[in-house]
């Protein structure tokens, strides 16, 4: 049960980090990547790009955090007899 709660906590941390990265991307990406300002393509393109990348970033962050936790826990278990 403790491992399940830890994984859920790491997933929540990954979701928070993904949200922060998505907000930063929306603030920092130049409009020239998505079209002209007058068509509205800039805003829609940026939003859809972030929406497409967010699930991938979330899954990668969750995997990295869980693997890091498992490695750290495994090393700690080897040190503690």
Protein backbone atom coordinates (compact mmCIF):
# COMPACT_ATOMS: atom_id res chain seq x y z
CA UNK A 1 0.00 0.00 0.00
CA UNK A 2 2.88 2.32 0.83
CA UNK A 3 4.40 1.80 -2.63
CA UNK A 4 1.07 2.56 -4.30
CA UNK A 5 0.74 5.80 -2.34
CA UNK A 6 4.32 6.71 -3.21
CA UNK A 7 3.67 6.13 -6.92
CA UNK A 8 0.48 8.20 -6.70
CA UNK A 9 2.41 10.99 -5.00
CA UNK A 10 5.11 10.88 -7.66
CA UNK A 11 2.41 11.01 -10.35
CA UNK A 12 0.91 14.10 -8.68
CA UNK A 13 4.36 15.68 -8.56
CA UNK A 14 4.82 14.89 -12.26
CA UNK A 15 1.42 16.45 -13.02
CA UNK A 16 2.38 19.61 -11.14
CA UNK A 17 5.72 19.84 -12.94
CA UNK A 18 3.98 19.24 -16.28
CA UNK A 19 1.54 22.06 -15.56
CA UNK A 20 4.40 24.41 -14.68
CA UNK A 21 6.31 23.46 -17.83
CA UNK A 22 3.16 23.88 -19.96
CA UNK A 23 2.52 27.35 -18.55
CA UNK A 24 6.14 28.34 -19.13
CA UNK A 25 5.94 27.03 -22.70
CA UNK A 26 2.80 29.06 -23.40
CA UNK A 27 4.48 32.17 -22.05
CA UNK A 28 7.83 31.71 -23.81
CA UNK A 29 7.06 30.17 -27.23
CA UNK A 30 7.14 32.80 -29.97
CA UNK A 31 4.00 33.30 -32.05
CA UNK A 32 6.01 33.05 -35.25
CA UNK A 33 6.15 29.27 -34.73
CA UNK A 34 2.36 28.94 -35.16
CA UNK A 35 1.23 31.52 -37.71
CA UNK A 36 0.31 35.16 -37.90
CA UNK A 37 -1.21 37.17 -35.08
CA UNK A 38 -4.26 38.27 -37.07
CA UNK A 39 -5.57 34.79 -37.83
CA UNK A 40 -5.64 33.58 -34.25
CA UNK A 41 -3.41 30.69 -35.30
CA UNK A 42 -0.78 31.76 -32.82
CA UNK A 43 -2.92 31.15 -29.75
CA UNK A 44 -4.61 28.00 -31.01
CA UNK A 45 -1.35 26.53 -32.29
CA UNK A 46 0.45 27.12 -29.02
CA UNK A 47 -2.39 25.69 -26.95
CA UNK A 48 -2.71 22.59 -29.12
CA UNK A 49 1.06 22.05 -29.13
CA UNK A 50 1.14 22.16 -25.33
CA UNK A 51 -1.94 19.90 -25.11
CA UNK A 52 -0.21 17.38 -27.36
CA UNK A 53 3.08 17.45 -25.50
CA UNK A 54 1.68 17.46 -21.94
CA UNK A 55 0.66 13.76 -21.77
CA UNK A 56 4.05 12.69 -23.10
CA UNK A 57 5.87 14.94 -20.63
CA UNK A 58 3.66 13.66 -17.79
CA UNK A 59 4.36 10.00 -18.60
CA UNK A 60 8.10 10.59 -18.97
CA UNK A 61 8.32 12.54 -15.71
CA UNK A 62 6.32 9.89 -13.87
CA UNK A 63 8.58 7.13 -15.19
CA UNK A 64 11.76 9.04 -14.35
CA UNK A 65 10.57 9.86 -10.84
CA UNK A 66 9.46 6.27 -10.16
CA UNK A 67 12.69 4.79 -11.50
CA UNK A 68 14.73 7.26 -9.44
CA UNK A 69 12.72 6.40 -6.35
CA UNK A 70 13.14 2.65 -6.92
CA UNK A 71 16.90 2.98 -7.43
CA UNK A 72 17.29 5.11 -4.33
CA UNK A 73 15.17 2.72 -2.30
CA UNK A 74 17.14 -0.26 -3.62
CA UNK A 75 20.47 1.31 -2.66
CA UNK A 76 19.12 2.21 0.75
CA UNK A 77 17.90 -1.37 1.29
CA UNK A 78 21.38 -2.71 0.44
CA UNK A 79 22.98 -0.41 3.01
CA UNK A 80 20.55 -1.30 5.80
CA UNK A 81 21.06 -4.94 6.92
